[in-house]
Amino acid sequence: MAPQLPDRYQTQVRLGRDGDIDEWLATDTALDRPVLVRVLDPDATPQRVTEFITATKKAATVEHVHLAGVYEVAESAAGGAYAALEWNGGVSIADRLAAGETLPVAEFLPNAAGLAEGLAALHDAGVVHGSIDPGAIVFSAAHPAKLSSFGRKRTTRHAQQDTVALAHALRIAVTGSSSPAVRPSHLVEGLPSSVDDAIRRAERGEHDAASLGTALRA
């Protein structure tokens, strides 16, 4: 069943589920553009509604090419809340992996660095994402990878934990494996060994997001 949203949003396709959030492709008729609408369950507790809205609003204050833009977030008249985000036609890294596809090296290198830099921009603004994994990264070969899924239930509370989570998600994105025992460059042809060191150091808490971006960019 389509969610109850303001008339300006015409839902088209239900894209899936992100925890307690339904995701829909919709058209913002006021601006004639596609958007991703994230709809929190209508029976969510008041505390959860506040958490969703607050986290998404904080993310909306930061603009970066590797962060999904947030256009609107509000409580829903039917209960719960919703947010309208940038839509670039991409799918999550988790969905790519489920289809048996990892990120090719040529696409991974610039996007991995960019995602770390986007996360650094969030942290510089005092914003913690709080729940980064391969499902929180959206990618389309025609567009930069985007860190998204704002407003999830938090699994982390600190910027350093965000960076550790991003590094782990990047490891999985390029190798398809979460094991820290194997160096990514040993699994992926053409991947520089310096990427192994950058990811491993970030997973150990030795990089912040900015220095991880610098290491990956180099």
N, C-alpha and C. Protein backbone atom coordinates (compact mmCIF):
# COMPACT_ATOMS: atom_id res chain seq x y z
N MET A 1 0.85 -1.20 0.00
CA MET A 1 0.00 0.00 0.00
C MET A 1 0.89 1.25 0.00
N ALA A 2 0.55 2.19 -0.87
CA ALA A 2 1.33 3.42 -0.95
C ALA A 2 1.16 4.23 0.33
N PRO A 3 2.22 4.91 0.77
CA PRO A 3 2.14 5.70 2.00
C PRO A 3 1.33 6.97 1.80
N GLN A 4 0.83 7.54 2.90
CA GLN A 4 0.13 8.81 2.86
C GLN A 4 1.16 9.93 2.94
N LEU A 5 1.31 10.65 1.84
CA LEU A 5 2.29 11.72 1.73
C LEU A 5 1.60 12.99 1.24
N PRO A 6 2.25 14.14 1.36
CA PRO A 6 1.69 15.36 0.76
C PRO A 6 1.43 15.16 -0.73
N ASP A 7 0.44 15.86 -1.26
CA ASP A 7 0.00 15.67 -2.64
C ASP A 7 1.12 15.89 -3.65
N ARG A 8 2.13 16.67 -3.28
CA ARG A 8 3.20 16.97 -4.25
C ARG A 8 3.99 15.72 -4.62
N TYR A 9 3.96 14.69 -3.76
CA TYR A 9 4.74 13.48 -4.03
C TYR A 9 3.84 12.38 -4.58
N GLN A 10 4.11 11.97 -5.79
CA GLN A 10 3.38 10.87 -6.43
C GLN A 10 4.26 9.63 -6.42
N THR A 11 3.91 8.67 -5.57
CA THR A 11 4.72 7.46 -5.46
C THR A 11 4.53 6.59 -6.70
N GLN A 12 5.62 5.93 -7.10
CA GLN A 12 5.58 5.10 -8.29
C GLN A 12 5.95 3.65 -8.02
N VAL A 13 7.09 3.44 -7.36
CA VAL A 13 7.58 2.08 -7.14
C VAL A 13 8.13 1.97 -5.72
N ARG A 14 7.72 0.92 -5.02
CA ARG A 14 8.33 0.64 -3.72
C ARG A 14 9.67 -0.05 -3.99
N LEU A 15 10.74 0.56 -3.48
CA LEU A 15 12.08 0.07 -3.77
C LEU A 15 12.57 -0.97 -2.77
N GLY A 16 12.03 -0.93 -1.56
CA GLY A 16 12.47 -1.90 -0.58
C GLY A 16 12.33 -1.38 0.83
N ARG A 17 13.01 -2.07 1.73
CA ARG A 17 12.88 -1.80 3.16
C ARG A 17 14.26 -1.56 3.75
N ASP A 18 14.40 -0.55 4.57
CA ASP A 18 15.65 -0.24 5.25
C ASP A 18 15.36 -0.19 6.74
N GLY A 19 15.39 -1.35 7.39
CA GLY A 19 15.03 -1.41 8.81
C GLY A 19 13.56 -1.12 8.99
N ASP A 20 13.25 -0.05 9.72
CA ASP A 20 11.85 0.33 9.95
C ASP A 20 11.41 1.43 8.99
N ILE A 21 12.07 1.53 7.85
CA ILE A 21 11.80 2.57 6.87
C ILE A 21 11.51 1.95 5.51
N ASP A 22 10.38 2.32 4.90
CA ASP A 22 10.08 1.93 3.52
C ASP A 22 10.66 2.98 2.58
N GLU A 23 11.18 2.53 1.44
CA GLU A 23 11.73 3.44 0.44
C GLU A 23 10.91 3.36 -0.84
N TRP A 24 10.58 4.52 -1.36
CA TRP A 24 9.76 4.63 -2.57
C TRP A 24 10.41 5.57 -3.57
N LEU A 25 10.33 5.20 -4.84
CA LEU A 25 10.64 6.15 -5.92
C LEU A 25 9.37 6.95 -6.17
N ALA A 26 9.51 8.27 -6.17
CA ALA A 26 8.35 9.13 -6.35
C ALA A 26 8.73 10.30 -7.24
N THR A 27 7.72 11.02 -7.67
CA THR A 27 7.92 12.27 -8.41
C THR A 27 7.49 13.43 -7.54
N ASP A 28 8.38 14.40 -7.40
CA ASP A 28 8.04 15.65 -6.73
C ASP A 28 7.40 16.53 -7.80
N THR A 29 6.07 16.60 -7.81
CA THR A 29 5.37 17.31 -8.88
C THR A 29 5.58 18.81 -8.81
N ALA A 30 5.92 19.32 -7.62
CA ALA A 30 6.13 20.76 -7.49
C ALA A 30 7.37 21.20 -8.25
N LEU A 31 8.39 20.32 -8.30
CA LEU A 31 9.64 20.66 -8.97
C LEU A 31 9.92 19.75 -10.16
N ASP A 32 9.00 18.85 -10.46
CA ASP A 32 9.09 17.96 -11.61
C ASP A 32 10.43 17.21 -11.63
N ARG A 33 10.69 16.47 -10.55
CA ARG A 33 11.92 15.69 -10.48
C ARG A 33 11.67 14.40 -9.68
N PRO A 34 12.44 13.36 -9.99
CA PRO A 34 12.31 12.12 -9.20
C PRO A 34 12.98 12.31 -7.84
N VAL A 35 12.42 11.68 -6.83
CA VAL A 35 12.99 11.72 -5.49
C VAL A 35 12.88 10.33 -4.86
N LEU A 36 13.74 10.10 -3.90
CA LEU A 36 13.64 8.92 -3.06
C LEU A 36 12.92 9.34 -1.79
N VAL A 37 11.78 8.71 -1.52
CA VAL A 37 11.03 9.03 -0.31
C VAL A 37 11.22 7.90 0.70
N ARG A 38 11.73 8.27 1.87
CA ARG A 38 11.93 7.31 2.96
C ARG A 38 10.82 7.53 3.99
N VAL A 39 10.04 6.48 4.23
CA VAL A 39 8.84 6.60 5.05
C VAL A 39 9.00 5.74 6.30
N LEU A 40 9.08 6.40 7.45
CA LEU A 40 9.19 5.70 8.72
C LEU A 40 7.85 5.07 9.06
N ASP A 41 7.89 3.89 9.68
CA ASP A 41 6.66 3.19 10.04
C ASP A 41 5.69 4.11 10.78
N PRO A 42 4.40 4.07 10.42
CA PRO A 42 3.42 4.95 11.08
C PRO A 42 3.24 4.65 12.56
N ASP A 43 3.60 3.44 13.00
CA ASP A 43 3.44 3.11 14.41
C ASP A 43 4.74 3.30 15.20
N ALA A 44 5.69 4.01 14.61
CA ALA A 44 6.95 4.29 15.31
C ALA A 44 6.67 5.11 16.57
N THR A 45 7.48 4.88 17.59
CA THR A 45 7.30 5.62 18.84
C THR A 45 7.66 7.09 18.65
N PRO A 46 7.13 7.96 19.50
CA PRO A 46 7.51 9.38 19.40
C PRO A 46 9.02 9.59 19.47
N GLN A 47 9.71 8.80 20.29
CA GLN A 47 11.16 8.91 20.39
C GLN A 47 11.83 8.55 19.07
N ARG A 48 11.33 7.51 18.42
CA ARG A 48 11.91 7.10 17.14
C ARG A 48 11.62 8.14 16.06
N VAL A 49 10.43 8.72 16.06
CA VAL A 49 10.10 9.77 15.09
C VAL A 49 11.05 10.95 15.27
N THR A 50 11.26 11.35 16.51
CA THR A 50 12.18 12.47 16.78
C THR A 50 13.59 12.13 16.32
N GLU A 51 14.04 10.91 16.58
CA GLU A 51 15.38 10.49 16.16
C GLU A 51 15.51 10.55 14.64
N PHE A 52 14.52 10.03 13.92
CA PHE A 52 14.53 10.03 12.45
C PHE A 52 14.59 11.45 11.91
N ILE A 53 13.71 12.31 12.41
CA ILE A 53 13.65 13.68 11.91
C ILE A 53 14.92 14.45 12.24
N THR A 54 15.40 14.32 13.46
CA THR A 54 16.58 15.06 13.88
C THR A 54 17.81 14.65 13.07
N ALA A 55 18.01 13.34 12.92
CA ALA A 55 19.18 12.85 12.18
C ALA A 55 19.13 13.29 10.72
N THR A 56 17.96 13.22 10.11
CA THR A 56 17.84 13.59 8.70
C THR A 56 18.00 15.09 8.51
N LYS A 57 17.46 15.87 9.43
CA LYS A 57 17.63 17.33 9.33
C LYS A 57 19.10 17.72 9.47
N LYS A 58 19.81 17.06 10.37
CA LYS A 58 21.23 17.37 10.53
C LYS A 58 22.00 17.06 9.25
N ALA A 59 21.69 15.93 8.62
CA ALA A 59 22.35 15.58 7.37
C ALA A 59 22.04 16.58 6.27
N ALA A 60 20.85 17.16 6.33
CA ALA A 60 20.43 18.13 5.31
C ALA A 60 21.25 19.40 5.35
N THR A 61 21.93 19.66 6.46
CA THR A 61 22.70 20.90 6.58
C THR A 61 24.04 20.83 5.86
N VAL A 62 24.42 19.64 5.40
CA VAL A 62 25.74 19.44 4.80
C VAL A 62 25.57 19.09 3.33
N GLU A 63 26.25 19.82 2.46
CA GLU A 63 26.21 19.53 1.02
C GLU A 63 27.56 19.00 0.57
N HIS A 64 27.54 17.90 -0.14
CA HIS A 64 28.77 17.31 -0.68
C HIS A 64 28.36 16.40 -1.82
N VAL A 65 29.18 16.31 -2.85
CA VAL A 65 28.85 15.52 -4.03
C VAL A 65 28.68 14.04 -3.69
N HIS A 66 29.27 13.58 -2.59
CA HIS A 66 29.14 12.17 -2.21
C HIS A 66 28.17 11.95 -1.06
N LEU A 67 27.34 12.94 -0.76
CA LEU A 67 26.25 12.79 0.20
C LEU A 67 24.93 12.99 -0.52
N ALA A 68 23.98 12.09 -0.29
CA ALA A 68 22.66 12.25 -0.90
C ALA A 68 22.00 13.51 -0.35
N GLY A 69 21.51 14.36 -1.24
CA GLY A 69 20.85 15.59 -0.81
C GLY A 69 19.51 15.30 -0.15
N VAL A 70 19.22 16.06 0.88
CA VAL A 70 17.94 15.94 1.59
C VAL A 70 17.10 17.16 1.24
N TYR A 71 15.89 16.92 0.71
CA TYR A 71 15.05 18.02 0.27
C TYR A 71 13.98 18.40 1.29
N GLU A 72 13.48 17.41 2.01
CA GLU A 72 12.41 17.68 2.99
C GLU A 72 12.37 16.55 3.99
N VAL A 73 12.03 16.87 5.22
CA VAL A 73 11.76 15.86 6.24
C VAL A 73 10.69 16.42 7.16
N ALA A 74 9.70 15.58 7.51
CA ALA A 74 8.59 16.06 8.33
C ALA A 74 7.85 14.87 8.93
N GLU A 75 7.06 15.18 9.95
CA GLU A 75 6.16 14.16 10.48
C GLU A 75 5.05 13.91 9.47
N SER A 76 4.54 12.68 9.48
CA SER A 76 3.46 12.30 8.58
C SER A 76 2.13 12.44 9.29
N ALA A 77 1.13 12.86 8.54
CA ALA A 77 -0.21 13.00 9.12
C ALA A 77 -0.76 11.67 9.57
N ALA A 78 -0.27 10.58 8.97
CA ALA A 78 -0.75 9.24 9.31
C ALA A 78 0.06 8.60 10.42
N GLY A 79 1.00 9.34 10.98
CA GLY A 79 1.90 8.80 11.98
C GLY A 79 3.25 8.52 11.37
N GLY A 80 4.27 8.46 12.20
CA GLY A 80 5.62 8.27 11.68
C GLY A 80 6.15 9.55 11.08
N ALA A 81 6.98 9.42 10.06
CA ALA A 81 7.60 10.58 9.42
C ALA A 81 8.07 10.16 8.03
N TYR A 82 8.49 11.15 7.24
CA TYR A 82 9.01 10.86 5.91
C TYR A 82 10.11 11.85 5.58
N ALA A 83 10.92 11.47 4.62
CA ALA A 83 11.96 12.37 4.11
C ALA A 83 12.07 12.18 2.61
N ALA A 84 12.25 13.27 1.88
CA ALA A 84 12.47 13.23 0.43
C ALA A 84 13.93 13.52 0.16
N LEU A 85 14.60 12.60 -0.55
CA LEU A 85 16.02 12.71 -0.81
C LEU A 85 16.31 12.68 -2.29
N GLU A 86 17.52 13.07 -2.61
CA GLU A 86 18.03 13.01 -3.98
C GLU A 86 17.95 11.58 -4.52
N TRP A 87 17.54 11.47 -5.77
CA TRP A 87 17.49 10.17 -6.45
C TRP A 87 18.34 10.25 -7.71
N ASN A 88 19.32 9.34 -7.83
CA ASN A 88 20.18 9.38 -9.02
C ASN A 88 20.14 8.08 -9.81
N GLY A 89 19.14 7.25 -9.50
CA GLY A 89 18.98 6.01 -10.26
C GLY A 89 19.87 4.88 -9.80
N GLY A 90 20.61 5.09 -8.71
CA GLY A 90 21.53 4.07 -8.24
C GLY A 90 20.87 3.02 -7.38
N VAL A 91 21.64 1.99 -7.07
CA VAL A 91 21.21 0.96 -6.14
C VAL A 91 22.25 0.88 -5.03
N SER A 92 21.88 0.31 -3.91
CA SER A 92 22.83 0.23 -2.80
C SER A 92 23.92 -0.78 -3.11
N ILE A 93 25.07 -0.58 -2.45
CA ILE A 93 26.14 -1.56 -2.58
C ILE A 93 25.67 -2.93 -2.10
N ALA A 94 24.85 -2.95 -1.06
CA ALA A 94 24.31 -4.22 -0.56
C ALA A 94 23.53 -4.95 -1.66
N ASP A 95 22.74 -4.21 -2.42
CA ASP A 95 21.97 -4.83 -3.51
C ASP A 95 22.90 -5.33 -4.61
N ARG A 96 23.93 -4.57 -4.91
CA ARG A 96 24.91 -5.01 -5.91
C ARG A 96 25.58 -6.31 -5.48
N LEU A 97 25.97 -6.35 -4.21
CA LEU A 97 26.64 -7.54 -3.70
C LEU A 97 25.70 -8.75 -3.72
N ALA A 98 24.42 -8.51 -3.41
CA ALA A 98 23.44 -9.59 -3.43
C ALA A 98 23.27 -10.16 -4.85
N ALA A 99 23.53 -9.31 -5.84
CA ALA A 99 23.46 -9.74 -7.24
C ALA A 99 24.79 -10.32 -7.73
N GLY A 100 25.76 -10.40 -6.83
CA GLY A 100 27.06 -10.98 -7.18
C GLY A 100 28.03 -10.01 -7.81
N GLU A 101 27.80 -8.69 -7.62
CA GLU A 101 28.64 -7.68 -8.25
C GLU A 101 29.38 -6.86 -7.19
N THR A 102 30.69 -6.84 -7.26
CA THR A 102 31.48 -5.91 -6.46
C THR A 102 31.79 -4.68 -7.31
N LEU A 103 32.41 -3.67 -6.69
CA LEU A 103 32.76 -2.46 -7.45
C LEU A 103 34.06 -2.69 -8.20
N PRO A 104 34.09 -2.46 -9.51
CA PRO A 104 35.35 -2.53 -10.25
C PRO A 104 36.35 -1.50 -9.71
N VAL A 105 37.63 -1.82 -9.82
CA VAL A 105 38.67 -0.95 -9.27
C VAL A 105 38.56 0.48 -9.80
N ALA A 106 38.32 0.63 -11.09
CA ALA A 106 38.28 1.97 -11.69
C ALA A 106 37.15 2.81 -11.10
N GLU A 107 36.07 2.17 -10.66
CA GLU A 107 34.96 2.88 -10.05
C GLU A 107 35.15 3.01 -8.54
N PHE A 108 35.80 2.02 -7.96
CA PHE A 108 35.97 2.01 -6.51
C PHE A 108 36.89 3.13 -6.03
N LEU A 109 38.05 3.31 -6.67
CA LEU A 109 39.07 4.21 -6.14
C LEU A 109 38.58 5.65 -5.95
N PRO A 110 38.04 6.31 -6.98
CA PRO A 110 37.59 7.69 -6.76
C PRO A 110 36.39 7.79 -5.83
N ASN A 111 35.49 6.79 -5.91
CA ASN A 111 34.29 6.86 -5.07
C ASN A 111 34.59 6.55 -3.61
N ALA A 112 35.53 5.64 -3.34
CA ALA A 112 35.90 5.34 -1.96
C ALA A 112 36.47 6.59 -1.29
N ALA A 113 37.39 7.26 -1.99
CA ALA A 113 37.96 8.50 -1.44
C ALA A 113 36.87 9.55 -1.26
N GLY A 114 35.99 9.68 -2.23
CA GLY A 114 34.93 10.68 -2.15
C GLY A 114 33.96 10.43 -1.02
N LEU A 115 33.63 9.17 -0.78
CA LEU A 115 32.73 8.85 0.33
C LEU A 115 33.36 9.21 1.67
N ALA A 116 34.66 8.93 1.81
CA ALA A 116 35.36 9.31 3.04
C ALA A 116 35.36 10.83 3.20
N GLU A 117 35.56 11.55 2.10
CA GLU A 117 35.56 13.01 2.17
C GLU A 117 34.16 13.54 2.49
N GLY A 118 33.14 12.90 1.94
CA GLY A 118 31.77 13.29 2.28
C GLY A 118 31.47 13.06 3.75
N LEU A 119 31.93 11.92 4.27
CA LEU A 119 31.75 11.64 5.69
C LEU A 119 32.51 12.66 6.54
N ALA A 120 33.69 13.05 6.09
CA ALA A 120 34.45 14.07 6.81
C ALA A 120 33.69 15.39 6.85
N ALA A 121 33.00 15.71 5.76
CA ALA A 121 32.20 16.94 5.74
C ALA A 121 31.08 16.87 6.78
N LEU A 122 30.44 15.71 6.91
CA LEU A 122 29.43 15.53 7.96
C LEU A 122 30.05 15.75 9.34
N HIS A 123 31.20 15.10 9.56
CA HIS A 123 31.83 15.19 10.87
C HIS A 123 32.29 16.61 11.19
N ASP A 124 32.77 17.33 10.17
CA ASP A 124 33.18 18.71 10.37
C ASP A 124 32.00 19.58 10.83
N ALA A 125 30.80 19.19 10.40
CA ALA A 125 29.60 19.94 10.80
C ALA A 125 29.02 19.41 12.12
N GLY A 126 29.72 18.47 12.74
CA GLY A 126 29.24 17.91 14.00
C GLY A 126 28.15 16.87 13.84
N VAL A 127 28.04 16.28 12.65
CA VAL A 127 26.99 15.30 12.36
C VAL A 127 27.59 13.90 12.31
N VAL A 128 26.99 12.96 13.01
CA VAL A 128 27.38 11.56 12.96
C VAL A 128 26.29 10.79 12.22
N HIS A 129 26.68 10.01 11.20
CA HIS A 129 25.69 9.24 10.45
C HIS A 129 25.05 8.20 11.36
N GLY A 130 25.87 7.37 11.98
CA GLY A 130 25.37 6.46 13.00
C GLY A 130 25.00 5.06 12.56
N SER A 131 24.98 4.79 11.26
CA SER A 131 24.60 3.44 10.82
C SER A 131 25.08 3.18 9.40
N ILE A 132 26.39 3.17 9.21
CA ILE A 132 26.95 2.97 7.87
C ILE A 132 27.24 1.49 7.63
N ASP A 133 26.76 1.00 6.51
CA ASP A 133 27.07 -0.34 6.04
C ASP A 133 26.87 -0.31 4.52
N PRO A 134 27.08 -1.42 3.80
CA PRO A 134 26.91 -1.37 2.34
C PRO A 134 25.53 -0.94 1.88
N GLY A 135 24.51 -1.12 2.72
CA GLY A 135 23.17 -0.68 2.36
C GLY A 135 22.98 0.82 2.42
N ALA A 136 23.92 1.52 3.06
CA ALA A 136 23.81 2.97 3.20
C ALA A 136 24.54 3.73 2.10
N ILE A 137 25.15 2.99 1.17
CA ILE A 137 25.89 3.60 0.07
C ILE A 137 25.18 3.28 -1.23
N VAL A 138 24.83 4.32 -1.97
CA VAL A 138 24.10 4.16 -3.23
C VAL A 138 25.04 4.48 -4.38
N PHE A 139 25.01 3.61 -5.40
CA PHE A 139 25.95 3.79 -6.51
C PHE A 139 25.27 3.58 -7.85
N SER A 140 25.61 4.45 -8.78
CA SER A 140 25.25 4.31 -10.19
C SER A 140 26.49 4.65 -11.00
N ALA A 141 26.79 3.85 -12.00
CA ALA A 141 28.01 4.08 -12.78
C ALA A 141 28.03 5.47 -13.42
N ALA A 142 26.84 6.05 -13.60
CA ALA A 142 26.77 7.37 -14.25
C ALA A 142 26.91 8.53 -13.27
N HIS A 143 26.95 8.23 -11.96
CA HIS A 143 26.97 9.29 -10.96
C HIS A 143 27.92 8.92 -9.82
N PRO A 144 28.37 9.90 -9.06
CA PRO A 144 29.21 9.58 -7.89
C PRO A 144 28.44 8.74 -6.88
N ALA A 145 29.15 7.87 -6.18
CA ALA A 145 28.54 7.13 -5.08
C ALA A 145 28.10 8.11 -4.00
N LYS A 146 26.98 7.78 -3.35
CA LYS A 146 26.40 8.68 -2.34
C LYS A 146 26.23 7.93 -1.03
N LEU A 147 26.62 8.57 0.06
CA LEU A 147 26.28 8.09 1.38
C LEU A 147 24.86 8.55 1.68
N SER A 148 24.00 7.62 2.05
CA SER A 148 22.58 7.93 2.23
C SER A 148 22.07 7.23 3.48
N SER A 149 20.79 6.83 3.46
CA SER A 149 20.16 6.11 4.58
C SER A 149 20.21 6.91 5.88
N PHE A 150 20.05 8.21 5.78
CA PHE A 150 20.00 9.04 6.99
C PHE A 150 18.71 8.73 7.76
N GLY A 151 18.79 8.76 9.08
CA GLY A 151 17.61 8.51 9.90
C GLY A 151 17.41 7.07 10.30
N ARG A 152 18.34 6.19 9.93
CA ARG A 152 18.27 4.81 10.41
C ARG A 152 18.36 4.76 11.94
N LYS A 153 17.97 3.62 12.50
CA LYS A 153 18.27 3.40 13.91
C LYS A 153 19.78 3.36 14.07
N ARG A 154 20.27 4.08 15.05
CA ARG A 154 21.72 4.20 15.22
C ARG A 154 22.33 2.90 15.75
N THR A 155 23.49 2.57 15.17
CA THR A 155 24.30 1.48 15.71
C THR A 155 25.61 2.02 16.28
N THR A 156 25.93 3.28 15.96
CA THR A 156 27.12 3.94 16.50
C THR A 156 26.75 5.37 16.90
N ARG A 157 27.59 5.96 17.75
CA ARG A 157 27.30 7.30 18.26
C ARG A 157 28.43 8.29 18.04
N HIS A 158 29.57 7.82 17.55
CA HIS A 158 30.74 8.68 17.49
C HIS A 158 31.33 8.72 16.07
N ALA A 159 31.99 9.81 15.74
CA ALA A 159 32.58 9.99 14.42
C ALA A 159 33.59 8.90 14.10
N GLN A 160 34.42 8.53 15.07
CA GLN A 160 35.41 7.50 14.81
C GLN A 160 34.75 6.17 14.45
N GLN A 161 33.64 5.85 15.11
CA GLN A 161 32.91 4.63 14.79
C GLN A 161 32.32 4.69 13.39
N ASP A 162 31.87 5.88 12.97
CA ASP A 162 31.42 6.08 11.59
C ASP A 162 32.53 5.71 10.61
N THR A 163 33.74 6.20 10.87
CA THR A 163 34.85 5.97 9.97
C THR A 163 35.22 4.49 9.91
N VAL A 164 35.23 3.84 11.06
CA VAL A 164 35.48 2.39 11.09
C VAL A 164 34.44 1.66 10.25
N ALA A 165 33.17 2.04 10.41
CA ALA A 165 32.09 1.38 9.67
C ALA A 165 32.21 1.63 8.17
N LEU A 166 32.58 2.85 7.78
CA LEU A 166 32.74 3.14 6.35
C LEU A 166 33.88 2.31 5.77
N ALA A 167 35.01 2.25 6.47
CA ALA A 167 36.14 1.47 5.97
C ALA A 167 35.74 0.01 5.78
N HIS A 168 34.98 -0.54 6.72
CA HIS A 168 34.55 -1.93 6.61
C HIS A 168 33.61 -2.10 5.41
N ALA A 169 32.71 -1.13 5.22
CA ALA A 169 31.79 -1.20 4.07
C ALA A 169 32.56 -1.12 2.75
N LEU A 170 33.62 -0.30 2.71
CA LEU A 170 34.43 -0.19 1.50
C LEU A 170 35.17 -1.50 1.22
N ARG A 171 35.66 -2.14 2.28
CA ARG A 171 36.30 -3.45 2.10
C ARG A 171 35.34 -4.43 1.43
N ILE A 172 34.12 -4.47 1.95
CA ILE A 172 33.13 -5.39 1.40
C ILE A 172 32.77 -5.02 -0.03
N ALA A 173 32.65 -3.71 -0.30
CA ALA A 173 32.24 -3.25 -1.63
C ALA A 173 33.19 -3.70 -2.72
N VAL A 174 34.50 -3.69 -2.44
CA VAL A 174 35.47 -4.00 -3.49
C VAL A 174 35.85 -5.48 -3.52
N THR A 175 35.69 -6.17 -2.38
CA THR A 175 36.10 -7.58 -2.33
C THR A 175 34.94 -8.55 -2.24
N GLY A 176 33.81 -8.09 -1.74
CA GLY A 176 32.70 -8.99 -1.48
C GLY A 176 32.86 -9.76 -0.19
N SER A 177 33.93 -9.49 0.55
CA SER A 177 34.22 -10.21 1.79
C SER A 177 34.39 -9.24 2.93
N SER A 178 33.93 -9.65 4.11
CA SER A 178 34.10 -8.82 5.30
C SER A 178 35.30 -9.23 6.12
N SER A 179 36.04 -10.24 5.69
CA SER A 179 37.15 -10.76 6.48
C SER A 179 38.33 -9.80 6.47
N PRO A 180 38.81 -9.39 7.64
CA PRO A 180 39.98 -8.52 7.71
C PRO A 180 41.29 -9.30 7.56
N ALA A 181 41.18 -10.62 7.47
CA ALA A 181 42.39 -11.45 7.43
C ALA A 181 43.05 -11.44 6.05
N VAL A 182 42.30 -11.07 5.03
CA VAL A 182 42.82 -11.10 3.66
C VAL A 182 42.97 -9.68 3.15
N ARG A 183 44.12 -9.38 2.58
CA ARG A 183 44.35 -8.05 2.03
C ARG A 183 43.53 -7.89 0.74
N PRO A 184 42.78 -6.80 0.61
CA PRO A 184 41.95 -6.61 -0.59
C PRO A 184 42.73 -6.72 -1.89
N SER A 185 43.97 -6.21 -1.92
CA SER A 185 44.74 -6.26 -3.16
C SER A 185 45.10 -7.68 -3.56
N HIS A 186 45.03 -8.62 -2.61
CA HIS A 186 45.28 -10.03 -2.94
C HIS A 186 44.08 -10.70 -3.58
N LEU A 187 42.91 -10.06 -3.41
CA LEU A 187 41.67 -10.60 -3.99
C LEU A 187 41.28 -9.90 -5.28
N VAL A 188 41.67 -8.64 -5.40
CA VAL A 188 41.18 -7.81 -6.51
C VAL A 188 42.36 -7.37 -7.37
N GLU A 189 42.39 -7.83 -8.59
CA GLU A 189 43.48 -7.48 -9.50
C GLU A 189 43.45 -5.98 -9.81
N GLY A 190 44.60 -5.36 -9.73
CA GLY A 190 44.71 -3.94 -10.07
C GLY A 190 44.48 -3.00 -8.91
N LEU A 191 44.15 -3.55 -7.73
CA LEU A 191 43.93 -2.70 -6.57
C LEU A 191 45.27 -2.44 -5.88
N PRO A 192 45.66 -1.18 -5.71
CA PRO A 192 46.96 -0.88 -5.08
C PRO A 192 47.03 -1.40 -3.64
N SER A 193 48.20 -1.86 -3.23
CA SER A 193 48.36 -2.35 -1.86
C SER A 193 48.19 -1.24 -0.84
N SER A 194 48.38 0.01 -1.26
CA SER A 194 48.18 1.13 -0.34
C SER A 194 46.74 1.21 0.14
N VAL A 195 45.79 0.71 -0.66
CA VAL A 195 44.39 0.68 -0.25
C VAL A 195 44.22 -0.28 0.92
N ASP A 196 44.95 -1.40 0.89
CA ASP A 196 44.90 -2.34 2.02
C ASP A 196 45.23 -1.62 3.31
N ASP A 197 46.32 -0.86 3.28
CA ASP A 197 46.79 -0.19 4.48
C ASP A 197 45.81 0.87 4.95
N ALA A 198 45.24 1.62 4.00
CA ALA A 198 44.29 2.67 4.36
C ALA A 198 43.06 2.07 5.04
N ILE A 199 42.52 1.02 4.45
CA ILE A 199 41.32 0.40 5.01
C ILE A 199 41.62 -0.23 6.37
N ARG A 200 42.74 -0.96 6.44
CA ARG A 200 43.07 -1.62 7.70
C ARG A 200 43.28 -0.61 8.82
N ARG A 201 43.98 0.48 8.54
CA ARG A 201 44.23 1.48 9.57
C ARG A 201 42.91 2.14 10.01
N ALA A 202 42.02 2.39 9.07
CA ALA A 202 40.74 2.99 9.42
C ALA A 202 39.91 2.03 10.27
N GLU A 203 39.93 0.76 9.93
CA GLU A 203 39.18 -0.23 10.71
C GLU A 203 39.73 -0.35 12.14
N ARG A 204 41.01 -0.04 12.30
CA ARG A 204 41.62 -0.07 13.63
C ARG A 204 41.42 1.24 14.40
N GLY A 205 40.79 2.22 13.77
CA GLY A 205 40.57 3.50 14.42
C GLY A 205 41.74 4.45 14.30
N GLU A 206 42.67 4.18 13.37
CA GLU A 206 43.87 5.00 13.23
C GLU A 206 43.69 6.12 12.21
N HIS A 207 42.59 6.14 11.49
CA HIS A 207 42.26 7.23 10.56
C HIS A 207 40.97 7.88 11.01
N ASP A 208 40.86 9.20 10.86
CA ASP A 208 39.54 9.81 10.86
C ASP A 208 39.07 9.84 9.41
N ALA A 209 37.87 10.32 9.18
CA ALA A 209 37.32 10.28 7.81
C ALA A 209 38.16 11.10 6.84
N ALA A 210 38.66 12.25 7.29
CA ALA A 210 39.44 13.11 6.40
C ALA A 210 40.75 12.44 6.00
N SER A 211 41.45 11.86 6.96
CA SER A 211 42.74 11.23 6.62
C SER A 211 42.52 9.94 5.83
N LEU A 212 41.40 9.26 6.06
CA LEU A 212 41.09 8.10 5.22
C LEU A 212 40.88 8.54 3.77
N GLY A 213 40.16 9.64 3.58
CA GLY A 213 39.97 10.16 2.23
C GLY A 213 41.28 10.52 1.57
N THR A 214 42.17 11.15 2.32
CA THR A 214 43.48 11.52 1.78
C THR A 214 44.27 10.29 1.39
N ALA A 215 44.27 9.26 2.24
CA ALA A 215 45.02 8.04 1.96
C ALA A 215 44.47 7.34 0.72
N LEU A 216 43.15 7.29 0.60
CA LEU A 216 42.55 6.61 -0.56
C LEU A 216 42.76 7.44 -1.84
N ARG A 217 42.72 8.75 -1.71
CA ARG A 217 42.92 9.60 -2.88
C ARG A 217 44.34 9.48 -3.39
N ALA A 218 45.31 9.29 -2.46
CA ALA A 218 46.70 9.17 -2.86
C ALA A 218 46.99 7.85 -3.55
